[in-house]
N, C-alpha and C. Protein backbone atom coordinates (compact mmCIF):
# COMPACT_ATOMS: atom_id res chain seq x y z
N UNK A 1 9.10 3.00 -17.28
CA UNK A 1 10.26 3.20 -17.15
C UNK A 1 11.19 4.73 -17.21
N UNK A 2 10.05 5.58 -17.59
CA UNK A 2 10.60 6.87 -18.17
C UNK A 2 10.37 7.50 -17.20
N UNK A 3 9.01 7.78 -16.87
CA UNK A 3 8.18 8.96 -16.08
C UNK A 3 9.28 8.91 -14.64
N UNK A 4 9.58 10.54 -14.81
CA UNK A 4 11.09 10.87 -13.63
C UNK A 4 12.03 10.40 -13.88
N UNK A 5 12.23 10.32 -14.90
CA UNK A 5 13.51 10.25 -15.53
C UNK A 5 13.98 8.51 -14.96
N UNK A 6 12.92 7.67 -14.65
CA UNK A 6 13.19 6.53 -13.86
C UNK A 6 13.51 6.17 -12.54
N UNK A 7 13.74 7.70 -12.06
CA UNK A 7 14.47 7.75 -10.77
C UNK A 7 13.07 7.69 -9.76
N UNK A 8 12.20 6.55 -9.57
CA UNK A 8 10.79 6.09 -8.62
C UNK A 8 11.71 4.36 -8.15
N UNK A 9 11.12 4.40 -7.01
CA UNK A 9 11.23 3.27 -6.71
C UNK A 9 10.27 2.17 -7.25
N UNK A 10 9.08 2.48 -7.87
CA UNK A 10 8.21 1.31 -8.82
C UNK A 10 8.27 1.56 -10.10
N UNK A 11 9.60 2.14 -10.59
CA UNK A 11 9.87 2.18 -12.54
C UNK A 11 10.06 1.00 -12.49
N UNK A 12 9.40 0.81 -13.87
CA UNK A 12 10.28 -0.16 -14.34
C UNK A 12 11.45 -0.29 -15.16
N UNK A 13 12.33 -1.26 -15.09
CA UNK A 13 13.21 -1.65 -15.53
C UNK A 13 13.98 -2.78 -16.04
N UNK A 14 12.98 -3.95 -15.85
CA UNK A 14 13.28 -5.21 -16.45
C UNK A 14 12.23 -5.34 -16.98
N UNK A 15 11.99 -5.80 -18.52
CA UNK A 15 10.78 -6.71 -18.84
C UNK A 15 11.00 -7.99 -19.41
N UNK A 16 10.69 -8.62 -19.33
CA UNK A 16 10.54 -10.22 -19.97
C UNK A 16 9.25 -10.43 -20.60
N UNK A 17 9.87 -10.60 -21.71
CA UNK A 17 8.63 -10.72 -22.97
C UNK A 17 9.05 -12.20 -23.45
N UNK A 18 8.17 -12.60 -23.73
CA UNK A 18 8.05 -14.29 -24.67
C UNK A 18 8.62 -14.43 -26.00
N UNK A 19 9.28 -15.05 -26.13
CA UNK A 19 10.21 -14.88 -27.50
C UNK A 19 9.09 -14.68 -28.97
N UNK A 20 7.63 -15.33 -28.67
CA UNK A 20 6.79 -15.15 -29.81
C UNK A 20 6.26 -13.91 -30.19
N UNK A 21 6.45 -12.89 -29.12
CA UNK A 21 6.01 -11.57 -29.50
C UNK A 21 7.17 -10.20 -29.05
N UNK A 22 8.37 -10.73 -28.82
CA UNK A 22 9.29 -10.01 -28.42
C UNK A 22 9.61 -8.97 -29.77
N UNK A 23 9.82 -9.82 -31.02
CA UNK A 23 9.90 -8.54 -31.91
C UNK A 23 9.47 -7.46 -31.82
N UNK A 24 7.88 -7.76 -32.13
CA UNK A 24 6.74 -6.84 -32.32
C UNK A 24 6.55 -5.74 -31.27
N UNK A 25 6.72 -6.33 -29.69
CA UNK A 25 6.60 -5.51 -28.89
C UNK A 25 7.98 -4.62 -28.69
N UNK A 26 9.30 -5.21 -28.36
CA UNK A 26 10.30 -4.25 -28.93
C UNK A 26 10.43 -2.93 -29.64
N UNK A 27 9.98 -3.30 -30.87
CA UNK A 27 10.01 -2.28 -31.87
C UNK A 27 8.66 -1.29 -31.63
N UNK A 28 7.90 -1.48 -30.81
CA UNK A 28 6.17 -0.68 -30.49
C UNK A 28 7.14 0.42 -29.72
N UNK A 29 7.74 -0.47 -28.65
CA UNK A 29 8.15 -0.14 -27.58
C UNK A 29 9.99 1.42 -27.75
N UNK A 30 10.14 0.96 -28.21
CA UNK A 30 11.59 1.64 -28.98
C UNK A 30 10.83 2.92 -29.50
N UNK A 31 9.79 2.54 -30.33
CA UNK A 31 9.69 3.96 -31.43
C UNK A 31 8.79 4.89 -29.98
N UNK A 32 8.01 4.17 -28.97
CA UNK A 32 6.83 4.91 -28.14
C UNK A 32 8.36 6.03 -27.22
N UNK A 33 9.45 5.00 -26.98
CA UNK A 33 10.54 6.08 -25.80
C UNK A 33 11.34 6.61 -26.84
N UNK A 34 11.32 6.58 -27.85
CA UNK A 34 12.39 7.94 -29.02
C UNK A 34 11.18 9.27 -29.04
N UNK A 35 10.32 9.05 -28.82
CA UNK A 35 9.12 9.95 -28.89
C UNK A 35 8.64 10.67 -27.79
N UNK A 36 9.22 10.47 -26.63
CA UNK A 36 9.30 10.97 -25.44
C UNK A 36 9.66 12.32 -25.57
N UNK A 37 9.09 13.52 -24.91
CA UNK A 37 9.52 14.99 -25.45
C UNK A 37 10.47 14.84 -23.60
N UNK A 38 12.23 15.11 -23.72
CA UNK A 38 13.17 15.66 -22.83
C UNK A 38 12.99 17.26 -22.52
N UNK A 39 12.98 17.17 -21.19
CA UNK A 39 13.45 18.96 -20.47
C UNK A 39 12.87 19.30 -19.36
N UNK A 40 12.42 20.65 -19.46
CA UNK A 40 12.40 20.78 -17.87
C UNK A 40 11.17 20.03 -17.46
N UNK A 41 11.78 20.13 -16.20
CA UNK A 41 10.88 19.29 -15.15
C UNK A 41 9.29 20.04 -15.17
N UNK A 42 9.63 21.45 -14.86
CA UNK A 42 8.73 22.34 -14.94
C UNK A 42 7.27 22.97 -15.85
N UNK A 43 8.12 22.52 -17.47
CA UNK A 43 7.00 22.45 -18.34
C UNK A 43 6.35 21.26 -18.64
N UNK A 44 4.99 21.58 -18.63
CA UNK A 44 4.02 20.61 -18.46
C UNK A 44 3.96 19.35 -19.53
N UNK A 45 4.47 19.87 -20.89
CA UNK A 45 5.36 18.87 -21.95
C UNK A 45 5.97 18.11 -21.66
N UNK A 46 6.95 18.00 -21.16
CA UNK A 46 7.90 17.31 -20.80
C UNK A 46 7.47 15.90 -19.72
N UNK A 47 7.98 14.96 -20.56
CA UNK A 47 7.79 13.70 -19.72
C UNK A 47 8.81 12.62 -19.14
N UNK A 48 9.91 13.37 -19.65
CA UNK A 48 11.43 12.95 -19.34
C UNK A 48 12.03 13.95 -18.78
N UNK A 49 12.39 14.43 -17.43
CA UNK A 49 13.06 15.45 -17.06
C UNK A 49 14.40 15.08 -16.65
N UNK A 50 15.32 15.85 -15.68
CA UNK A 50 17.05 15.48 -15.62
C UNK A 50 17.12 14.47 -14.54
N UNK A 51 18.16 13.53 -14.39
CA UNK A 51 18.80 12.93 -13.39
C UNK A 51 19.35 13.73 -12.19
N UNK A 52 19.41 13.35 -11.10
CA UNK A 52 19.38 14.16 -10.13
C UNK A 52 20.68 15.11 -9.81
N UNK A 53 21.40 14.20 -10.09
CA UNK A 53 23.31 15.12 -10.02
C UNK A 53 24.03 14.19 -11.24
N UNK A 54 25.08 15.21 -11.22
CA UNK A 54 26.09 14.26 -11.90
C UNK A 54 26.86 13.17 -12.40
N UNK A 55 26.87 12.87 -10.97
CA UNK A 55 27.53 11.54 -10.54
C UNK A 55 26.62 10.58 -11.11
N UNK A 56 25.17 10.92 -10.68
CA UNK A 56 23.82 9.75 -10.80
C UNK A 56 23.82 9.67 -12.50
N UNK A 57 23.93 10.57 -13.39
CA UNK A 57 24.44 10.56 -14.61
C UNK A 57 25.58 9.97 -14.97
N UNK A 58 26.49 9.85 -14.57
CA UNK A 58 27.79 9.22 -15.08
C UNK A 58 27.62 8.00 -15.01
N UNK A 59 27.05 7.49 -14.06
CA UNK A 59 26.65 6.20 -13.40
C UNK A 59 25.87 5.50 -14.37
N UNK A 60 24.61 6.10 -14.59
CA UNK A 60 23.57 5.15 -15.64
C UNK A 60 24.43 5.17 -16.96
N UNK A 61 25.05 6.13 -16.98
CA UNK A 61 26.26 6.15 -18.63
C UNK A 61 26.97 4.81 -18.60
N UNK A 62 27.70 4.99 -17.48
CA UNK A 62 28.55 3.82 -17.48
C UNK A 62 27.87 2.36 -17.43
N UNK A 63 26.90 2.27 -16.53
CA UNK A 63 26.15 0.95 -16.61
C UNK A 63 25.58 0.74 -18.28
N UNK A 64 25.30 1.22 -18.85
CA UNK A 64 24.87 1.30 -20.44
C UNK A 64 25.64 1.00 -21.08
N UNK A 65 27.31 1.89 -21.02
CA UNK A 65 28.19 1.13 -21.86
C UNK A 65 28.57 -0.08 -21.60
N UNK A 66 28.71 -0.59 -20.48
CA UNK A 66 29.68 -1.90 -19.80
C UNK A 66 28.19 -3.09 -20.58
N UNK A 67 26.97 -2.72 -20.71
CA UNK A 67 25.90 -3.59 -21.21
C UNK A 67 26.49 -3.62 -22.70
N UNK A 68 26.45 -2.36 -23.39
CA UNK A 68 26.76 -2.54 -24.78
C UNK A 68 28.00 -2.97 -25.09
N UNK A 69 28.98 -2.94 -24.31
CA UNK A 69 30.37 -3.72 -24.58
C UNK A 69 30.45 -5.13 -24.19
N UNK A 70 29.39 -5.80 -23.61
CA UNK A 70 29.23 -7.05 -23.26
C UNK A 70 28.35 -7.57 -23.87
N UNK A 71 27.45 -6.78 -25.17
CA UNK A 71 26.88 -7.70 -26.47
C UNK A 71 25.28 -7.32 -26.51
N UNK A 72 25.01 -6.53 -25.25
CA UNK A 72 23.89 -5.97 -25.40
C UNK A 72 23.37 -5.01 -26.30
N UNK A 73 22.12 -4.89 -27.42
CA UNK A 73 22.07 -4.00 -28.16
C UNK A 73 21.06 -3.07 -27.77
N UNK A 74 21.75 -1.75 -27.99
CA UNK A 74 21.12 -0.12 -27.26
C UNK A 74 19.79 -0.13 -28.51
N UNK A 75 18.88 -0.16 -28.37
CA UNK A 75 17.88 0.13 -29.51
C UNK A 75 17.00 1.81 -29.55
N UNK A 76 17.68 2.26 -28.74
CA UNK A 76 17.86 4.06 -28.69
C UNK A 76 17.89 4.39 -27.56
N UNK A 77 18.45 5.59 -27.66
CA UNK A 77 19.11 6.52 -26.51
C UNK A 77 20.51 6.03 -26.03
N UNK A 78 21.07 5.83 -24.79
CA UNK A 78 22.49 5.39 -24.94
C UNK A 78 23.72 6.54 -24.87
N UNK A 79 23.12 7.74 -24.78
CA UNK A 79 23.50 8.76 -24.35
C UNK A 79 23.13 9.54 -23.41
N UNK A 80 23.92 10.61 -23.03
CA UNK A 80 23.68 11.68 -22.25
C UNK A 80 23.39 12.89 -23.26
N UNK A 81 22.51 13.74 -22.82
CA UNK A 81 21.99 15.11 -23.66
C UNK A 81 22.27 16.27 -23.62
N UNK A 82 22.76 16.19 -21.99
CA UNK A 82 23.20 17.49 -21.35
C UNK A 82 23.74 16.91 -20.35
N UNK A 83 24.13 18.23 -19.40
CA UNK A 83 24.82 17.97 -18.07
C UNK A 83 24.09 17.60 -17.12
N UNK A 84 22.57 17.39 -17.25
CA UNK A 84 22.06 16.54 -16.37
C UNK A 84 20.60 15.66 -17.04
N UNK A 85 20.54 15.64 -18.32
CA UNK A 85 19.69 14.74 -18.57
C UNK A 85 20.54 13.82 -20.01
N UNK A 86 19.63 12.76 -19.87
CA UNK A 86 19.95 11.43 -20.54
C UNK A 86 18.84 10.80 -21.73
N UNK A 87 19.10 10.31 -22.14
CA UNK A 87 18.13 10.38 -23.52
C UNK A 87 17.72 8.63 -23.16
N UNK A 88 16.46 8.49 -23.00
CA UNK A 88 15.51 7.53 -22.58
C UNK A 88 16.09 6.33 -23.67
N UNK A 89 15.94 5.40 -22.51
CA UNK A 89 16.91 4.13 -23.72
C UNK A 89 16.34 3.01 -23.16
N UNK A 90 16.27 1.84 -24.32
CA UNK A 90 16.28 0.37 -24.49
C UNK A 90 17.10 -0.30 -24.40
N UNK A 91 16.97 -1.10 -23.76
CA UNK A 91 18.40 -2.21 -24.31
C UNK A 91 18.07 -3.33 -24.26
N UNK A 92 18.20 -4.16 -25.01
CA UNK A 92 17.93 -5.67 -25.49
C UNK A 92 19.01 -6.40 -24.87
N UNK A 93 18.67 -7.57 -23.98
CA UNK A 93 18.71 -8.54 -24.05
C UNK A 93 20.47 -8.10 -23.10
N UNK A 94 20.77 -7.41 -22.10
CA UNK A 94 22.05 -7.72 -21.52
C UNK A 94 22.40 -8.63 -20.84
N UNK A 95 23.62 -8.73 -20.51
CA UNK A 95 24.06 -10.41 -19.40
C UNK A 95 23.43 -10.21 -18.43
N UNK A 96 23.09 -11.20 -17.63
CA UNK A 96 22.84 -11.14 -16.27
C UNK A 96 23.60 -10.75 -15.15
N UNK A 97 24.85 -10.49 -15.61
CA UNK A 97 26.11 -9.76 -14.66
C UNK A 97 26.24 -8.92 -14.96
N UNK A 98 26.10 -8.19 -15.55
CA UNK A 98 26.24 -6.50 -15.88
C UNK A 98 25.21 -5.76 -14.72
N UNK A 99 25.66 -4.59 -14.99
CA UNK A 99 25.04 -3.89 -13.84
C UNK A 99 23.55 -3.73 -14.09
N UNK A 100 22.96 -3.26 -14.81
CA UNK A 100 21.75 -2.86 -15.18
C UNK A 100 20.58 -4.19 -15.22
N UNK A 101 21.30 -5.60 -15.13
CA UNK A 101 20.32 -6.46 -14.90
C UNK A 101 20.98 -7.19 -13.69
N UNK A 102 21.46 -6.65 -12.62
CA UNK A 102 21.95 -6.88 -10.92
C UNK A 102 21.68 -5.65 -10.26
N UNK A 103 21.29 -4.76 -10.70
CA UNK A 103 20.83 -3.56 -9.85
C UNK A 103 20.21 -2.71 -10.19
N UNK A 104 19.55 -1.79 -9.66
CA UNK A 104 18.69 -0.64 -9.73
C UNK A 104 19.20 0.50 -10.29
N UNK A 105 18.79 0.99 -11.80
CA UNK A 105 19.42 1.78 -12.26
C UNK A 105 18.96 3.14 -12.08
N UNK A 106 18.19 3.44 -11.61
CA UNK A 106 17.27 4.69 -11.09
C UNK A 106 17.52 5.50 -12.06
N UNK A 107 17.45 5.10 -13.24
CA UNK A 107 17.41 6.70 -14.76
C UNK A 107 16.83 6.17 -15.57
N UNK A 108 16.58 6.67 -16.71
CA UNK A 108 15.85 6.32 -17.92
C UNK A 108 16.10 5.31 -18.82
N UNK A 109 15.97 4.12 -18.34
CA UNK A 109 16.72 2.65 -18.85
C UNK A 109 16.08 1.30 -18.70
N UNK A 110 15.10 0.88 -19.63
CA UNK A 110 14.44 -0.01 -19.49
C UNK A 110 15.31 -1.49 -20.39
N UNK A 111 15.34 -2.28 -19.61
CA UNK A 111 15.90 -3.76 -20.32
C UNK A 111 14.39 -4.66 -20.80
N UNK A 112 14.72 -5.14 -21.92
CA UNK A 112 14.04 -6.13 -22.65
C UNK A 112 14.61 -7.57 -22.34
N UNK A 113 14.12 -8.60 -21.74
CA UNK A 113 14.74 -9.95 -22.34
C UNK A 113 13.67 -10.69 -22.85
N UNK A 114 14.16 -11.19 -23.62
CA UNK A 114 13.39 -12.76 -24.73
C UNK A 114 13.40 -14.05 -23.62
N UNK A 115 12.48 -14.36 -23.29
CA UNK A 115 12.12 -15.66 -22.61
C UNK A 115 11.64 -16.67 -23.29
N UNK A 116 11.32 -18.10 -23.57
CA UNK A 116 10.93 -19.00 -24.07
C UNK A 116 9.70 -19.70 -22.97
N UNK A 117 10.12 -19.60 -21.77
CA UNK A 117 9.50 -20.86 -20.50
C UNK A 117 9.34 -19.53 -19.66
N UNK A 118 8.43 -19.82 -18.93
CA UNK A 118 8.27 -19.00 -18.20
C UNK A 118 8.42 -18.84 -16.49
N UNK A 119 9.21 -20.25 -16.14
CA UNK A 119 9.41 -20.28 -14.77
C UNK A 119 11.05 -19.66 -15.02
N UNK A 120 11.85 -19.90 -16.07
CA UNK A 120 13.10 -19.54 -15.94
C UNK A 120 13.18 -18.19 -15.80
N UNK A 121 11.93 -17.24 -16.54
CA UNK A 121 12.01 -15.86 -16.42
C UNK A 121 11.57 -15.03 -14.66
N UNK A 122 10.48 -15.99 -14.58
CA UNK A 122 10.60 -16.08 -13.04
C UNK A 122 11.58 -15.82 -12.16
N UNK A 123 12.49 -17.01 -12.56
CA UNK A 123 13.84 -17.61 -11.61
C UNK A 123 14.46 -15.81 -12.24
N UNK A 124 14.46 -15.67 -13.20
CA UNK A 124 15.86 -14.65 -13.73
C UNK A 124 15.01 -13.00 -13.04
N UNK A 125 13.76 -13.04 -12.84
CA UNK A 125 13.36 -11.66 -11.89
C UNK A 125 13.27 -12.14 -10.86
N UNK A 126 13.82 -13.23 -9.96
CA UNK A 126 13.71 -13.33 -9.08
C UNK A 126 15.23 -13.56 -8.56
N UNK A 127 16.09 -13.13 -9.14
CA UNK A 127 17.27 -13.49 -8.97
C UNK A 127 18.25 -12.03 -8.59
N UNK A 128 17.41 -10.95 -7.99
CA UNK A 128 17.85 -9.84 -7.58
C UNK A 128 17.90 -9.61 -5.95
N UNK A 129 18.84 -9.07 -5.63
CA UNK A 129 18.44 -8.91 -4.11
C UNK A 129 17.57 -7.87 -3.61
N UNK A 130 17.23 -6.88 -4.49
CA UNK A 130 15.88 -6.03 -4.46
C UNK A 130 14.67 -6.57 -4.76
N UNK A 131 13.87 -6.00 -4.42
CA UNK A 131 12.29 -7.06 -4.67
C UNK A 131 11.34 -5.83 -4.53
N UNK A 132 10.68 -5.38 -4.84
CA UNK A 132 9.79 -4.33 -5.04
C UNK A 132 8.36 -4.71 -5.54
N UNK A 133 8.08 -4.02 -7.05
CA UNK A 133 6.99 -4.02 -7.77
C UNK A 133 7.26 -4.87 -8.94
N UNK A 134 5.77 -5.65 -9.25
CA UNK A 134 6.06 -6.32 -10.27
C UNK A 134 4.82 -5.86 -11.01
N UNK A 135 4.62 -6.50 -12.24
CA UNK A 135 3.39 -6.39 -13.14
C UNK A 135 3.60 -7.85 -14.03
N UNK A 136 2.51 -8.26 -14.40
CA UNK A 136 2.37 -9.23 -15.15
C UNK A 136 1.62 -8.97 -16.31
N UNK A 137 1.41 -9.59 -17.66
CA UNK A 137 0.44 -9.11 -18.91
C UNK A 137 -0.04 -10.18 -19.04
N UNK A 138 -1.27 -10.68 -19.51
CA UNK A 138 -1.65 -12.18 -19.77
C UNK A 138 -2.87 -12.42 -19.61
N UNK A 139 -3.36 -12.80 -21.10
CA UNK A 139 -4.67 -13.54 -20.73
C UNK A 139 -5.14 -14.73 -20.24
N UNK A 140 -4.13 -15.31 -19.55
CA UNK A 140 -4.62 -16.23 -18.80
C UNK A 140 -4.42 -16.28 -17.15
N UNK A 141 -5.36 -16.30 -16.81
CA UNK A 141 -5.57 -15.96 -15.43
C UNK A 141 -4.82 -17.38 -14.36
N UNK A 142 -4.70 -18.57 -14.98
CA UNK A 142 -4.21 -19.30 -14.45
C UNK A 142 -2.66 -18.87 -14.32
N UNK A 143 -2.06 -18.67 -15.33
CA UNK A 143 -0.43 -18.15 -15.56
C UNK A 143 -0.72 -16.65 -14.61
N UNK A 144 -1.56 -16.14 -14.73
CA UNK A 144 -1.24 -14.77 -13.71
C UNK A 144 -1.44 -15.14 -12.25
N UNK A 145 -2.01 -16.08 -11.99
CA UNK A 145 -2.35 -16.46 -10.81
C UNK A 145 -0.65 -17.01 -10.10
N UNK A 146 -0.46 -17.89 -10.98
CA UNK A 146 0.65 -18.77 -10.96
C UNK A 146 1.83 -18.13 -10.67
N UNK A 147 2.24 -17.30 -11.70
CA UNK A 147 3.49 -16.44 -11.73
C UNK A 147 3.19 -15.23 -10.19
N UNK A 148 1.93 -14.65 -9.98
CA UNK A 148 1.71 -13.62 -8.76
C UNK A 148 2.49 -14.62 -7.57
N UNK A 149 1.99 -15.42 -7.16
CA UNK A 149 2.53 -16.63 -6.25
C UNK A 149 3.87 -16.59 -5.97
N UNK A 150 5.02 -16.46 -7.59
CA UNK A 150 6.15 -17.40 -7.15
C UNK A 150 7.32 -15.96 -7.09
N UNK A 151 6.42 -14.78 -7.70
CA UNK A 151 7.45 -13.80 -8.11
C UNK A 151 7.81 -13.35 -6.59
N UNK A 152 9.18 -12.73 -6.11
CA UNK A 152 9.67 -12.43 -4.69
C UNK A 152 9.28 -10.91 -5.14
N UNK A 153 7.92 -10.53 -4.93
CA UNK A 153 7.30 -9.18 -5.29
C UNK A 153 6.54 -8.55 -3.68
N UNK A 154 6.11 -7.30 -3.50
CA UNK A 154 5.96 -7.27 -2.55
C UNK A 154 4.03 -6.97 -2.96
N UNK A 155 3.95 -6.69 -4.34
CA UNK A 155 3.07 -6.11 -4.73
C UNK A 155 3.08 -6.40 -6.54
N UNK A 156 2.40 -6.88 -7.14
CA UNK A 156 2.19 -7.82 -8.30
C UNK A 156 0.81 -6.50 -8.95
N UNK A 157 0.98 -6.17 -10.08
CA UNK A 157 -0.10 -5.80 -10.49
C UNK A 157 -0.59 -7.10 -12.01
N UNK A 158 -1.61 -7.48 -12.49
CA UNK A 158 -1.69 -8.21 -13.16
C UNK A 158 -2.32 -7.00 -14.29
N UNK A 159 -2.11 -6.93 -15.62
CA UNK A 159 -2.19 -5.91 -16.98
C UNK A 159 -2.27 -4.86 -16.37
N UNK A 160 -1.23 -4.41 -15.76
CA UNK A 160 -1.38 -2.76 -15.19
C UNK A 160 0.16 -2.29 -14.87
N UNK A 161 0.51 -1.33 -14.88
CA UNK A 161 2.09 -1.10 -14.98
C UNK A 161 2.13 -1.03 -13.34
N UNK A 162 3.63 -0.76 -13.03
CA UNK A 162 4.21 -1.32 -11.33
C UNK A 162 3.83 -0.04 -10.52
N UNK A 163 3.21 1.18 -11.56
CA UNK A 163 3.15 2.34 -10.40
C UNK A 163 2.22 2.72 -10.00
N UNK A 164 1.91 1.93 -9.31
CA UNK A 164 0.33 1.58 -8.35
C UNK A 164 0.25 1.91 -6.97
N UNK A 165 -0.21 2.26 -5.93
CA UNK A 165 0.00 2.71 -4.52
C UNK A 165 -1.37 3.11 -4.12
N UNK A 166 -1.80 2.79 -2.87
CA UNK A 166 -2.65 3.36 -2.42
C UNK A 166 -2.43 3.15 -0.50
N UNK A 167 -2.49 3.78 0.22
CA UNK A 167 -1.99 4.29 1.33
C UNK A 167 -2.68 3.18 2.50
N UNK A 168 -3.95 2.78 2.22
CA UNK A 168 -4.31 1.52 3.26
C UNK A 168 -4.00 0.13 2.63
N UNK A 169 -3.26 0.29 1.95
CA UNK A 169 -2.98 -1.24 1.58
C UNK A 169 -1.18 -1.61 1.75
N UNK A 170 -0.38 -2.11 1.94
CA UNK A 170 0.86 -2.72 2.20
C UNK A 170 1.90 -1.96 1.01
N UNK A 171 2.54 -1.30 1.19
CA UNK A 171 3.54 -0.92 0.35
C UNK A 171 4.99 -0.68 0.83
N UNK A 172 5.91 -1.36 0.00
CA UNK A 172 7.53 -1.31 0.85
C UNK A 172 7.81 -2.50 -0.15
N UNK A 173 9.38 -2.44 0.02
CA UNK A 173 10.29 -3.31 -0.74
C UNK A 173 10.54 -4.60 0.04
N UNK A 174 10.93 -5.75 -0.55
CA UNK A 174 11.61 -6.84 0.26
C UNK A 174 12.88 -7.00 0.29
N UNK A 175 13.33 -7.64 0.79
CA UNK A 175 14.92 -8.50 0.75
C UNK A 175 15.64 -6.58 1.75
N UNK A 176 16.44 -5.91 0.20
CA UNK A 176 17.14 -5.12 0.48
C UNK A 176 16.81 -3.84 -0.22
N UNK A 177 15.53 -3.83 -0.30
CA UNK A 177 14.85 -2.77 -0.96
C UNK A 177 14.44 -1.88 0.04
N UNK A 178 14.47 -1.14 0.23
CA UNK A 178 13.19 -0.05 1.28
C UNK A 178 13.83 -0.43 3.07
N UNK A 179 12.90 0.13 3.67
CA UNK A 179 12.72 -0.09 5.39
C UNK A 179 11.98 -0.37 5.50
N UNK A 180 11.04 -1.18 4.91
CA UNK A 180 9.81 -1.80 6.00
C UNK A 180 8.59 -1.51 4.92
N UNK A 181 7.90 -1.80 5.53
CA UNK A 181 5.96 -2.47 4.85
C UNK A 181 5.84 -0.43 5.43
N UNK A 182 4.89 0.27 4.49
CA UNK A 182 4.16 1.28 4.62
C UNK A 182 2.74 1.06 4.42
N UNK A 183 1.67 1.83 4.71
CA UNK A 183 0.11 1.39 5.10
C UNK A 183 -0.18 1.97 6.13
N UNK A 184 -1.35 2.44 6.71
CA UNK A 184 -2.08 2.89 7.73
C UNK A 184 -1.73 1.57 8.73
N UNK A 185 -2.35 0.40 8.60
CA UNK A 185 -2.20 -0.10 10.11
C UNK A 185 -0.44 -0.84 10.08
N UNK A 186 0.15 -0.83 9.07
CA UNK A 186 1.47 -1.17 8.96
C UNK A 186 2.36 -0.26 9.78
N UNK A 187 2.23 1.31 9.72
CA UNK A 187 2.90 2.30 10.31
C UNK A 187 2.53 2.53 11.48
N UNK A 188 1.10 2.25 11.66
CA UNK A 188 0.95 2.21 12.81
C UNK A 188 1.55 1.51 14.15
N UNK A 189 1.14 0.30 13.56
CA UNK A 189 2.06 -1.24 14.06
C UNK A 189 3.73 -0.82 14.43
N UNK A 190 4.02 -0.24 13.67
CA UNK A 190 5.53 0.35 13.80
C UNK A 190 5.88 1.28 14.72
N UNK A 191 5.34 1.89 14.65
CA UNK A 191 5.21 3.01 15.94
C UNK A 191 4.56 3.25 17.17
N UNK A 192 4.32 1.02 17.50
CA UNK A 192 3.60 1.34 18.78
C UNK A 192 4.11 0.00 19.34
N UNK A 193 4.08 -0.01 20.45
CA UNK A 193 4.63 -1.62 21.28
C UNK A 193 3.67 -2.52 21.96
N UNK A 194 3.57 -3.61 21.11
CA UNK A 194 2.75 -4.20 21.78
C UNK A 194 2.87 -4.51 23.64
N UNK A 195 1.67 -4.82 24.59
CA UNK A 195 1.87 -4.99 25.58
C UNK A 195 0.57 -5.87 26.36
N UNK A 196 0.86 -6.85 26.96
CA UNK A 196 -0.05 -7.51 27.32
C UNK A 196 -0.17 -7.21 29.01
N UNK A 197 -1.79 -7.62 29.29
CA UNK A 197 -2.35 -7.16 30.61
C UNK A 197 -3.14 -8.66 30.85
N UNK A 198 -2.70 -9.30 32.05
CA UNK A 198 -3.28 -9.71 32.85
C UNK A 198 -4.02 -9.39 34.17
N UNK A 199 -4.85 -9.12 34.41
CA UNK A 199 -6.06 -9.22 35.57
C UNK A 199 -6.28 -10.31 36.31
N UNK A 200 -6.27 -10.76 37.31
CA UNK A 200 -6.62 -12.00 38.26
C UNK A 200 -7.46 -11.53 39.54
N UNK A 201 -9.27 -11.34 39.01
CA UNK A 201 -9.66 -10.91 40.09
C UNK A 201 -10.29 -12.12 41.47
N UNK A 202 -9.15 -13.05 41.57
CA UNK A 202 -9.50 -13.99 42.52
C UNK A 202 -8.96 -13.15 43.63
């Protein structure tokens, strides 16, 4: 959720974590986020660079502040560091009707949502108008397959992060995400027109 300051179409924004492990996961994830190196994107040591412009930086800040005002916990970050950088931010359990939960933040912000029932987590994950890539972490292959089938995503990684792409496989969003499916055969088909030819030798 933090590489390129979250400004990637396959960046993680929402993490649904079972209530049995959410406390431990949240602690470790927050510790990781606070150790990230923020700075010049041309510096090889930099892990989180700037947001593309001041308007987007202000928007990210406003969305985080809205979630905080509505009861979400800001576990780290939650503030701008300069005119172009925003601190890597972890937000715990923002309400479903705030902007961080409803839309793509495209900033260095990850929201963690505890869940008890997997079906409920899937329903909440599918509630957005946008649908691109997702990931499922589990040791239960049956739960993984069932979740993959039910998630409204164009690609689902099992036990790996969402930032995966190979150009000969389908790549693109569903619903209001993106403008179609990329990948060699899909792009070729999009740029060609089908034609039927019938020859009568009689």
